[in-house]
Amino acid sequence: DFLAMWTGEVLGEITAGAISGAAGILFTHPIDVAKVRIQSSSGPYSGGSLSSVFSGTLRAEGTAGLYKGLAPPLCGVAAYQAVCFGSFESASRSLELSGAFGGDAGSTRRVVAAGMVAGAATTLVTTPVDLCKIRMQLDRRSGLRETTLDCVRRIVRTSGAGGLYHGLTACLVRDVASTGLYFYVYEE
């Protein structure tokens, strides 16, 4: 029964989520680059306006500058979907079988709790993906094409493997709350 669920319904949801997630990332990534650059504590775009960051990036780096750091979230969206839906289903079934929240399969509390567990699990993907994406977005050198693997190697070399999880606490707070809410809305 568990295998049938994975090969049918859940695999379809993961695939649909990955495709829609990738489309959303492709469409919104230039805005994310501008946001990160505006929010950075240093650099020529720090504190600037959205239009000044767009025009300055296009002038200095070309269109490619608006897509720096695209690979980590684009590659990570499928892993995120798999971890999110897989851990939600596992947590939901475990909570139901344990009798938590009265064992009610449709319990709002069970859905939110399972969603929060899924949010915690997704930080294993989102934290290193966000870190690499942001580091690559803040690199303003024109023509430089640092790969995601180069970025990961640089972080591990300078900070150890744990460096990939710099910002984990903030990601946990963000993702536990938002994913619990997401599944509440999704299931209700």
N, C-alpha and C. Protein backbone atom coordinates (compact mmCIF):
# COMPACT_ATOMS: atom_id res chain seq x y z
N ASP A 1 0.83 -1.19 0.00
CA ASP A 1 0.00 0.00 0.00
C ASP A 1 0.88 1.26 0.00
N PHE A 2 1.94 1.27 0.83
CA PHE A 2 2.83 2.42 0.89
C PHE A 2 3.54 2.63 -0.45
N LEU A 3 4.02 1.54 -1.07
CA LEU A 3 4.71 1.63 -2.36
C LEU A 3 3.75 2.11 -3.44
N ALA A 4 2.54 1.62 -3.43
CA ALA A 4 1.55 2.05 -4.42
C ALA A 4 1.27 3.54 -4.29
N MET A 5 1.21 4.02 -3.05
CA MET A 5 0.97 5.44 -2.82
C MET A 5 2.11 6.26 -3.43
N TRP A 6 3.35 5.82 -3.21
CA TRP A 6 4.51 6.54 -3.72
C TRP A 6 4.57 6.54 -5.23
N THR A 7 4.28 5.41 -5.85
CA THR A 7 4.40 5.34 -7.30
C THR A 7 3.23 6.01 -8.01
N GLY A 8 2.17 6.26 -7.32
CA GLY A 8 1.00 6.89 -7.92
C GLY A 8 0.85 8.33 -7.52
N GLU A 9 0.06 8.54 -6.51
CA GLU A 9 -0.35 9.87 -6.09
C GLU A 9 0.82 10.77 -5.68
N VAL A 10 1.69 10.30 -4.81
CA VAL A 10 2.77 11.15 -4.30
C VAL A 10 3.78 11.47 -5.39
N LEU A 11 4.14 10.49 -6.21
CA LEU A 11 5.09 10.74 -7.30
C LEU A 11 4.53 11.78 -8.26
N GLY A 12 3.23 11.71 -8.54
CA GLY A 12 2.58 12.70 -9.39
C GLY A 12 2.63 14.09 -8.77
N GLU A 13 2.39 14.18 -7.46
CA GLU A 13 2.44 15.47 -6.77
C GLU A 13 3.87 16.04 -6.77
N ILE A 14 4.84 15.17 -6.57
CA ILE A 14 6.24 15.61 -6.57
C ILE A 14 6.61 16.14 -7.95
N THR A 15 6.23 15.42 -8.99
CA THR A 15 6.54 15.83 -10.36
C THR A 15 5.86 17.16 -10.69
N ALA A 16 4.57 17.27 -10.39
CA ALA A 16 3.84 18.51 -10.65
C ALA A 16 4.45 19.66 -9.85
N GLY A 17 4.80 19.40 -8.60
CA GLY A 17 5.41 20.44 -7.76
C GLY A 17 6.76 20.87 -8.29
N ALA A 18 7.55 19.91 -8.76
CA ALA A 18 8.87 20.23 -9.30
C ALA A 18 8.76 21.08 -10.56
N ILE A 19 7.84 20.73 -11.45
CA ILE A 19 7.66 21.48 -12.69
C ILE A 19 7.13 22.88 -12.41
N SER A 20 6.11 22.98 -11.57
CA SER A 20 5.57 24.31 -11.26
C SER A 20 6.58 25.13 -10.46
N GLY A 21 7.31 24.47 -9.57
CA GLY A 21 8.34 25.17 -8.81
C GLY A 21 9.44 25.71 -9.70
N ALA A 22 9.88 24.90 -10.67
CA ALA A 22 10.92 25.33 -11.61
C ALA A 22 10.45 26.51 -12.45
N ALA A 23 9.20 26.45 -12.90
CA ALA A 23 8.65 27.56 -13.69
C ALA A 23 8.62 28.85 -12.85
N GLY A 24 8.18 28.72 -11.61
CA GLY A 24 8.14 29.88 -10.72
C GLY A 24 9.52 30.46 -10.47
N ILE A 25 10.50 29.59 -10.29
CA ILE A 25 11.87 30.03 -10.04
C ILE A 25 12.42 30.77 -11.27
N LEU A 26 12.21 30.20 -12.45
CA LEU A 26 12.70 30.85 -13.68
C LEU A 26 12.10 32.24 -13.86
N PHE A 27 10.83 32.37 -13.54
CA PHE A 27 10.12 33.64 -13.71
C PHE A 27 10.54 34.67 -12.68
N THR A 28 10.71 34.27 -11.43
CA THR A 28 10.95 35.23 -10.35
C THR A 28 12.42 35.42 -9.96
N HIS A 29 13.31 34.62 -10.50
CA HIS A 29 14.71 34.68 -10.07
C HIS A 29 15.36 36.07 -10.23
N PRO A 30 15.14 36.78 -11.33
CA PRO A 30 15.73 38.12 -11.41
C PRO A 30 15.29 39.04 -10.27
N ILE A 31 14.05 38.91 -9.83
CA ILE A 31 13.57 39.71 -8.71
C ILE A 31 14.27 39.28 -7.42
N ASP A 32 14.50 37.98 -7.27
CA ASP A 32 15.19 37.47 -6.09
C ASP A 32 16.64 37.98 -6.05
N VAL A 33 17.31 37.99 -7.21
CA VAL A 33 18.68 38.52 -7.28
C VAL A 33 18.67 39.97 -6.82
N ALA A 34 17.76 40.76 -7.35
CA ALA A 34 17.69 42.17 -6.98
C ALA A 34 17.41 42.33 -5.48
N LYS A 35 16.48 41.54 -4.93
CA LYS A 35 16.15 41.62 -3.51
C LYS A 35 17.37 41.33 -2.64
N VAL A 36 18.08 40.26 -2.97
CA VAL A 36 19.26 39.88 -2.19
C VAL A 36 20.32 40.97 -2.26
N ARG A 37 20.52 41.54 -3.43
CA ARG A 37 21.52 42.58 -3.57
C ARG A 37 21.12 43.85 -2.81
N ILE A 38 19.85 44.19 -2.84
CA ILE A 38 19.38 45.36 -2.08
C ILE A 38 19.56 45.13 -0.58
N GLN A 39 19.30 43.91 -0.13
CA GLN A 39 19.37 43.59 1.30
C GLN A 39 20.79 43.35 1.79
N SER A 40 21.74 43.16 0.88
CA SER A 40 23.11 42.89 1.32
C SER A 40 23.66 44.10 2.06
N SER A 41 24.58 43.82 2.97
CA SER A 41 25.11 44.89 3.81
C SER A 41 26.21 45.70 3.13
N SER A 42 26.66 45.24 1.97
CA SER A 42 27.70 45.98 1.26
C SER A 42 27.53 45.79 -0.24
N GLY A 43 28.24 46.57 -0.99
CA GLY A 43 28.19 46.46 -2.44
C GLY A 43 27.48 47.65 -3.06
N PRO A 44 27.61 47.76 -4.37
CA PRO A 44 27.08 48.94 -5.05
C PRO A 44 25.56 49.04 -5.04
N TYR A 45 24.86 47.94 -4.81
CA TYR A 45 23.40 47.97 -4.87
C TYR A 45 22.74 47.98 -3.49
N SER A 46 23.53 47.90 -2.44
CA SER A 46 23.00 47.84 -1.08
C SER A 46 22.08 49.02 -0.82
N GLY A 47 20.84 48.72 -0.46
CA GLY A 47 19.88 49.76 -0.14
C GLY A 47 19.31 50.50 -1.33
N GLY A 48 19.68 50.10 -2.55
CA GLY A 48 19.19 50.77 -3.75
C GLY A 48 17.75 50.41 -4.06
N SER A 49 17.24 50.99 -5.13
CA SER A 49 15.88 50.68 -5.56
C SER A 49 15.90 49.48 -6.49
N LEU A 50 14.74 48.89 -6.69
CA LEU A 50 14.62 47.73 -7.58
C LEU A 50 15.06 48.10 -9.00
N SER A 51 14.62 49.24 -9.50
CA SER A 51 14.98 49.63 -10.86
C SER A 51 16.47 49.92 -10.99
N SER A 52 17.09 50.53 -9.97
CA SER A 52 18.52 50.81 -10.06
C SER A 52 19.34 49.51 -10.02
N VAL A 53 18.88 48.52 -9.26
CA VAL A 53 19.59 47.24 -9.21
C VAL A 53 19.46 46.52 -10.55
N PHE A 54 18.25 46.52 -11.11
CA PHE A 54 18.06 45.88 -12.42
C PHE A 54 18.94 46.54 -13.48
N SER A 55 18.88 47.86 -13.57
CA SER A 55 19.65 48.54 -14.62
C SER A 55 21.16 48.41 -14.37
N GLY A 56 21.59 48.54 -13.12
CA GLY A 56 23.02 48.40 -12.82
C GLY A 56 23.53 47.00 -13.10
N THR A 57 22.74 45.99 -12.77
CA THR A 57 23.14 44.60 -13.04
C THR A 57 23.21 44.34 -14.54
N LEU A 58 22.20 44.79 -15.28
CA LEU A 58 22.21 44.60 -16.74
C LEU A 58 23.40 45.31 -17.37
N ARG A 59 23.70 46.51 -16.92
CA ARG A 59 24.81 47.28 -17.47
C ARG A 59 26.16 46.62 -17.16
N ALA A 60 26.34 46.17 -15.92
CA ALA A 60 27.63 45.63 -15.49
C ALA A 60 27.83 44.15 -15.83
N GLU A 61 26.75 43.37 -15.82
CA GLU A 61 26.89 41.92 -15.96
C GLU A 61 26.08 41.31 -17.09
N GLY A 62 25.23 42.10 -17.71
CA GLY A 62 24.36 41.58 -18.76
C GLY A 62 23.20 40.79 -18.15
N THR A 63 22.38 40.23 -19.03
CA THR A 63 21.21 39.47 -18.57
C THR A 63 21.60 38.32 -17.66
N ALA A 64 22.76 37.71 -17.91
CA ALA A 64 23.22 36.58 -17.08
C ALA A 64 23.33 36.97 -15.61
N GLY A 65 23.63 38.24 -15.34
CA GLY A 65 23.74 38.70 -13.95
C GLY A 65 22.43 38.56 -13.18
N LEU A 66 21.31 38.66 -13.88
CA LEU A 66 20.00 38.52 -13.23
C LEU A 66 19.66 37.06 -12.93
N TYR A 67 20.46 36.15 -13.47
CA TYR A 67 20.21 34.72 -13.25
C TYR A 67 21.34 34.04 -12.47
N LYS A 68 22.23 34.84 -11.85
CA LYS A 68 23.26 34.25 -11.01
C LYS A 68 22.62 33.53 -9.84
N GLY A 69 23.13 32.35 -9.52
CA GLY A 69 22.59 31.58 -8.42
C GLY A 69 21.32 30.83 -8.78
N LEU A 70 21.01 30.70 -10.05
CA LEU A 70 19.79 30.01 -10.49
C LEU A 70 19.86 28.50 -10.29
N ALA A 71 21.03 27.92 -10.51
CA ALA A 71 21.14 26.45 -10.46
C ALA A 71 20.75 25.83 -9.12
N PRO A 72 21.20 26.36 -7.98
CA PRO A 72 20.82 25.70 -6.72
C PRO A 72 19.31 25.57 -6.51
N PRO A 73 18.52 26.65 -6.63
CA PRO A 73 17.09 26.44 -6.41
C PRO A 73 16.43 25.62 -7.51
N LEU A 74 16.91 25.74 -8.73
CA LEU A 74 16.32 24.98 -9.83
C LEU A 74 16.56 23.48 -9.64
N CYS A 75 17.76 23.12 -9.23
CA CYS A 75 18.06 21.71 -8.95
C CYS A 75 17.42 21.25 -7.65
N GLY A 76 17.34 22.14 -6.70
CA GLY A 76 16.82 21.77 -5.39
C GLY A 76 15.32 21.63 -5.30
N VAL A 77 14.58 22.16 -6.28
CA VAL A 77 13.12 22.14 -6.18
C VAL A 77 12.57 20.72 -6.19
N ALA A 78 13.13 19.83 -6.98
CA ALA A 78 12.65 18.44 -7.01
C ALA A 78 12.97 17.74 -5.69
N ALA A 79 14.19 17.95 -5.18
CA ALA A 79 14.56 17.35 -3.89
C ALA A 79 13.67 17.90 -2.78
N TYR A 80 13.41 19.20 -2.83
CA TYR A 80 12.53 19.82 -1.84
C TYR A 80 11.15 19.17 -1.86
N GLN A 81 10.57 19.03 -3.05
CA GLN A 81 9.24 18.44 -3.18
C GLN A 81 9.21 17.01 -2.65
N ALA A 82 10.25 16.23 -2.99
CA ALA A 82 10.30 14.84 -2.52
C ALA A 82 10.38 14.77 -1.00
N VAL A 83 11.26 15.57 -0.41
CA VAL A 83 11.41 15.57 1.05
C VAL A 83 10.13 16.09 1.71
N CYS A 84 9.57 17.16 1.18
CA CYS A 84 8.39 17.77 1.78
C CYS A 84 7.20 16.82 1.77
N PHE A 85 6.83 16.31 0.60
CA PHE A 85 5.66 15.45 0.52
C PHE A 85 5.91 14.08 1.16
N GLY A 86 7.11 13.55 0.98
CA GLY A 86 7.43 12.26 1.60
C GLY A 86 7.39 12.32 3.11
N SER A 87 8.00 13.36 3.69
CA SER A 87 8.02 13.46 5.15
C SER A 87 6.63 13.82 5.69
N PHE A 88 5.86 14.60 4.93
CA PHE A 88 4.49 14.90 5.36
C PHE A 88 3.66 13.61 5.43
N GLU A 89 3.73 12.80 4.39
CA GLU A 89 2.96 11.56 4.36
C GLU A 89 3.40 10.62 5.49
N SER A 90 4.71 10.49 5.69
CA SER A 90 5.22 9.62 6.75
C SER A 90 4.79 10.11 8.13
N ALA A 91 4.96 11.41 8.38
CA ALA A 91 4.58 11.98 9.67
C ALA A 91 3.07 11.87 9.89
N SER A 92 2.32 12.12 8.85
CA SER A 92 0.86 12.05 8.96
C SER A 92 0.39 10.65 9.31
N ARG A 93 0.95 9.65 8.62
CA ARG A 93 0.60 8.25 8.89
C ARG A 93 1.03 7.84 10.31
N SER A 94 2.23 8.24 10.70
CA SER A 94 2.73 7.91 12.05
C SER A 94 1.85 8.52 13.13
N LEU A 95 1.47 9.77 12.95
CA LEU A 95 0.61 10.44 13.93
C LEU A 95 -0.77 9.79 13.98
N GLU A 96 -1.28 9.40 12.83
CA GLU A 96 -2.58 8.74 12.78
C GLU A 96 -2.53 7.38 13.47
N LEU A 97 -1.48 6.59 13.15
CA LEU A 97 -1.35 5.25 13.74
C LEU A 97 -1.08 5.31 15.24
N SER A 98 -0.39 6.34 15.69
CA SER A 98 -0.06 6.45 17.12
C SER A 98 -1.27 6.90 17.95
N GLY A 99 -2.29 7.35 17.27
CA GLY A 99 -3.47 7.84 17.99
C GLY A 99 -3.34 9.28 18.44
N ALA A 100 -2.25 9.94 18.04
CA ALA A 100 -2.07 11.35 18.41
C ALA A 100 -3.22 12.16 17.82
N PHE A 101 -3.69 13.12 18.56
CA PHE A 101 -4.80 13.98 18.15
C PHE A 101 -6.07 13.17 17.93
N GLY A 102 -6.22 12.08 18.68
CA GLY A 102 -7.42 11.27 18.60
C GLY A 102 -7.44 10.30 17.44
N GLY A 103 -6.33 10.21 16.70
CA GLY A 103 -6.24 9.26 15.58
C GLY A 103 -7.09 9.64 14.39
N ASP A 104 -7.73 10.80 14.41
CA ASP A 104 -8.58 11.22 13.31
C ASP A 104 -7.71 11.53 12.09
N ALA A 105 -7.96 10.80 10.99
CA ALA A 105 -7.15 10.94 9.79
C ALA A 105 -7.22 12.36 9.22
N GLY A 106 -8.32 13.05 9.38
CA GLY A 106 -8.47 14.37 8.82
C GLY A 106 -8.27 15.49 9.83
N SER A 107 -7.77 15.16 10.99
CA SER A 107 -7.59 16.15 12.06
C SER A 107 -6.74 17.32 11.60
N THR A 108 -7.25 18.52 11.82
CA THR A 108 -6.52 19.74 11.49
C THR A 108 -5.19 19.78 12.25
N ARG A 109 -5.22 19.39 13.52
CA ARG A 109 -3.98 19.40 14.32
C ARG A 109 -2.97 18.41 13.77
N ARG A 110 -3.43 17.25 13.32
CA ARG A 110 -2.52 16.26 12.74
C ARG A 110 -1.91 16.80 11.45
N VAL A 111 -2.72 17.43 10.61
CA VAL A 111 -2.23 17.98 9.34
C VAL A 111 -1.18 19.06 9.60
N VAL A 112 -1.47 19.97 10.53
CA VAL A 112 -0.52 21.03 10.83
C VAL A 112 0.77 20.45 11.43
N ALA A 113 0.64 19.50 12.36
CA ALA A 113 1.83 18.89 12.98
C ALA A 113 2.67 18.15 11.94
N ALA A 114 2.02 17.38 11.07
CA ALA A 114 2.77 16.67 10.02
C ALA A 114 3.42 17.67 9.06
N GLY A 115 2.73 18.76 8.78
CA GLY A 115 3.30 19.80 7.93
C GLY A 115 4.52 20.45 8.57
N MET A 116 4.46 20.64 9.88
CA MET A 116 5.61 21.21 10.59
C MET A 116 6.80 20.26 10.57
N VAL A 117 6.54 18.96 10.71
CA VAL A 117 7.62 17.96 10.60
C VAL A 117 8.22 18.03 9.19
N ALA A 118 7.36 18.12 8.19
CA ALA A 118 7.85 18.23 6.81
C ALA A 118 8.70 19.48 6.64
N GLY A 119 8.26 20.60 7.23
CA GLY A 119 9.03 21.83 7.16
C GLY A 119 10.41 21.69 7.77
N ALA A 120 10.49 21.01 8.91
CA ALA A 120 11.79 20.77 9.54
C ALA A 120 12.67 19.91 8.64
N ALA A 121 12.08 18.88 8.04
CA ALA A 121 12.86 17.99 7.17
C ALA A 121 13.37 18.72 5.93
N THR A 122 12.58 19.65 5.40
CA THR A 122 12.99 20.34 4.17
C THR A 122 14.20 21.24 4.38
N THR A 123 14.46 21.64 5.64
CA THR A 123 15.62 22.51 5.86
C THR A 123 16.93 21.81 5.52
N LEU A 124 16.91 20.47 5.48
CA LEU A 124 18.10 19.75 5.04
C LEU A 124 18.42 20.08 3.58
N VAL A 125 17.39 20.44 2.82
CA VAL A 125 17.57 20.84 1.42
C VAL A 125 17.65 22.36 1.30
N THR A 126 16.72 23.08 1.93
CA THR A 126 16.62 24.52 1.70
C THR A 126 17.80 25.32 2.24
N THR A 127 18.38 24.90 3.35
CA THR A 127 19.47 25.69 3.94
C THR A 127 20.69 25.75 3.02
N PRO A 128 21.26 24.61 2.57
CA PRO A 128 22.41 24.73 1.66
C PRO A 128 22.04 25.33 0.30
N VAL A 129 20.83 25.06 -0.18
CA VAL A 129 20.40 25.63 -1.47
C VAL A 129 20.33 27.15 -1.36
N ASP A 130 19.68 27.66 -0.30
CA ASP A 130 19.58 29.12 -0.12
C ASP A 130 20.96 29.75 0.06
N LEU A 131 21.81 29.11 0.84
CA LEU A 131 23.15 29.66 1.08
C LEU A 131 23.93 29.78 -0.22
N CYS A 132 23.96 28.72 -1.01
CA CYS A 132 24.69 28.77 -2.29
C CYS A 132 24.07 29.79 -3.24
N LYS A 133 22.75 29.81 -3.31
CA LYS A 133 22.06 30.75 -4.20
C LYS A 133 22.44 32.18 -3.83
N ILE A 134 22.39 32.51 -2.56
CA ILE A 134 22.67 33.88 -2.12
C ILE A 134 24.14 34.23 -2.35
N ARG A 135 25.04 33.32 -2.03
CA ARG A 135 26.47 33.61 -2.26
C ARG A 135 26.74 33.86 -3.74
N MET A 136 26.10 33.08 -4.60
CA MET A 136 26.30 33.25 -6.03
C MET A 136 25.66 34.54 -6.53
N GLN A 137 24.51 34.92 -5.97
CA GLN A 137 23.83 36.15 -6.37
C GLN A 137 24.63 37.39 -5.97
N LEU A 138 25.31 37.32 -4.84
CA LEU A 138 26.07 38.47 -4.37
C LEU A 138 27.40 38.63 -5.08
N ASP A 139 27.82 37.65 -5.85
CA ASP A 139 29.08 37.73 -6.60
C ASP A 139 28.81 38.58 -7.85
N ARG A 140 29.36 39.78 -7.87
CA ARG A 140 29.08 40.72 -8.95
C ARG A 140 30.14 40.75 -10.04
N ARG A 141 31.06 39.81 -10.02
CA ARG A 141 32.11 39.80 -11.04
C ARG A 141 31.49 39.39 -12.38
N SER A 142 31.64 40.23 -13.36
CA SER A 142 31.08 39.98 -14.69
C SER A 142 31.82 38.84 -15.36
N GLY A 143 31.08 37.98 -16.01
CA GLY A 143 31.69 36.89 -16.77
C GLY A 143 32.06 35.67 -15.93
N LEU A 144 32.05 35.80 -14.61
CA LEU A 144 32.40 34.67 -13.75
C LEU A 144 31.23 33.69 -13.73
N ARG A 145 31.52 32.46 -13.96
CA ARG A 145 30.49 31.42 -13.97
C ARG A 145 30.82 30.37 -12.92
N GLU A 146 30.68 30.72 -11.66
CA GLU A 146 30.90 29.75 -10.60
C GLU A 146 29.76 28.75 -10.62
N THR A 147 30.10 27.47 -10.60
CA THR A 147 29.06 26.45 -10.57
C THR A 147 28.61 26.23 -9.13
N THR A 148 27.49 25.57 -8.98
CA THR A 148 27.00 25.24 -7.65
C THR A 148 28.01 24.38 -6.91
N LEU A 149 28.60 23.43 -7.61
CA LEU A 149 29.61 22.56 -6.99
C LEU A 149 30.82 23.36 -6.53
N ASP A 150 31.26 24.36 -7.33
CA ASP A 150 32.35 25.24 -6.92
C ASP A 150 31.99 25.98 -5.62
N CYS A 151 30.76 26.45 -5.56
CA CYS A 151 30.30 27.18 -4.37
C CYS A 151 30.30 26.26 -3.15
N VAL A 152 29.77 25.05 -3.31
CA VAL A 152 29.75 24.08 -2.21
C VAL A 152 31.17 23.79 -1.74
N ARG A 153 32.07 23.55 -2.68
CA ARG A 153 33.48 23.26 -2.33
C ARG A 153 34.11 24.41 -1.56
N ARG A 154 33.83 25.64 -2.00
CA ARG A 154 34.40 26.82 -1.34
C ARG A 154 33.90 26.91 0.10
N ILE A 155 32.60 26.69 0.30
CA ILE A 155 32.03 26.76 1.65
C ILE A 155 32.63 25.67 2.54
N VAL A 156 32.71 24.44 2.03
CA VAL A 156 33.26 23.33 2.80
C VAL A 156 34.74 23.57 3.11
N ARG A 157 35.47 24.09 2.15
CA ARG A 157 36.90 24.35 2.35
C ARG A 157 37.13 25.41 3.43
N THR A 158 36.29 26.45 3.44
CA THR A 158 36.51 27.53 4.41
C THR A 158 35.81 27.32 5.74
N SER A 159 34.69 26.57 5.75
CA SER A 159 33.90 26.45 6.98
C SER A 159 33.60 25.02 7.40
N GLY A 160 34.08 24.04 6.64
CA GLY A 160 33.75 22.65 6.93
C GLY A 160 32.37 22.31 6.41
N ALA A 161 31.99 21.05 6.48
CA ALA A 161 30.68 20.61 5.97
C ALA A 161 29.54 21.29 6.70
N GLY A 162 29.73 21.58 7.97
CA GLY A 162 28.69 22.27 8.74
C GLY A 162 28.40 23.66 8.22
N GLY A 163 29.36 24.24 7.50
CA GLY A 163 29.17 25.57 6.93
C GLY A 163 28.01 25.63 5.94
N LEU A 164 27.67 24.50 5.36
CA LEU A 164 26.54 24.45 4.42
C LEU A 164 25.21 24.72 5.13
N TYR A 165 25.23 24.60 6.46
CA TYR A 165 24.01 24.80 7.24
C TYR A 165 24.05 26.10 8.03
N HIS A 166 24.87 27.05 7.58
CA HIS A 166 24.89 28.38 8.18
C HIS A 166 23.52 29.01 7.92
N GLY A 167 22.83 29.42 8.97
CA GLY A 167 21.48 29.97 8.83
C GLY A 167 20.39 28.94 9.07
N LEU A 168 20.77 27.74 9.55
CA LEU A 168 19.79 26.66 9.75
C LEU A 168 18.66 27.07 10.70
N THR A 169 18.99 27.73 11.79
CA THR A 169 17.96 28.11 12.76
C THR A 169 16.90 29.00 12.12
N ALA A 170 17.33 29.99 11.35
CA ALA A 170 16.38 30.87 10.68
C ALA A 170 15.54 30.09 9.66
N CYS A 171 16.18 29.17 8.93
CA CYS A 171 15.43 28.34 7.98
C CYS A 171 14.42 27.45 8.69
N LEU A 172 14.81 26.89 9.84
CA LEU A 172 13.88 26.07 10.62
C LEU A 172 12.66 26.86 11.05
N VAL A 173 12.88 28.04 11.60
CA VAL A 173 11.77 28.87 12.06
C VAL A 173 10.85 29.21 10.88
N ARG A 174 11.44 29.60 9.77
CA ARG A 174 10.66 29.96 8.59
C ARG A 174 9.91 28.76 8.03
N ASP A 175 10.61 27.65 7.82
CA ASP A 175 10.03 26.51 7.10
C ASP A 175 9.07 25.68 7.94
N VAL A 176 9.33 25.56 9.24
CA VAL A 176 8.40 24.80 10.10
C VAL A 176 7.05 25.51 10.12
N ALA A 177 7.06 26.80 10.35
CA ALA A 177 5.80 27.55 10.42
C ALA A 177 5.10 27.59 9.07
N SER A 178 5.83 27.94 8.02
CA SER A 178 5.18 28.11 6.71
C SER A 178 4.70 26.78 6.14
N THR A 179 5.43 25.70 6.36
CA THR A 179 5.00 24.42 5.80
C THR A 179 3.82 23.84 6.58
N GLY A 180 3.78 24.07 7.88
CA GLY A 180 2.59 23.68 8.65
C GLY A 180 1.36 24.40 8.14
N LEU A 181 1.48 25.70 7.88
CA LEU A 181 0.38 26.49 7.34
C LEU A 181 0.04 26.05 5.92
N TYR A 182 1.06 25.79 5.11
CA TYR A 182 0.85 25.34 3.73
C TYR A 182 -0.02 24.08 3.69
N PHE A 183 0.34 23.08 4.49
CA PHE A 183 -0.43 21.83 4.47
C PHE A 183 -1.82 22.00 5.06
N TYR A 184 -1.97 22.91 6.02
CA TYR A 184 -3.30 23.19 6.55
C TYR A 184 -4.19 23.69 5.41
N VAL A 185 -3.71 24.67 4.65
CA VAL A 185 -4.48 25.24 3.54
C VAL A 185 -4.65 24.20 2.43
N TYR A 186 -3.60 23.46 2.11
CA TYR A 186 -3.61 22.45 1.05
C TYR A 186 -4.63 21.35 1.33
N GLU A 187 -4.69 20.88 2.57
CA GLU A 187 -5.55 19.76 2.93
C GLU A 187 -6.99 20.19 3.24
N GLU A 188 -7.19 21.44 3.62
CA GLU A 188 -8.53 21.88 4.03
C GLU A 188 -9.33 22.38 2.89
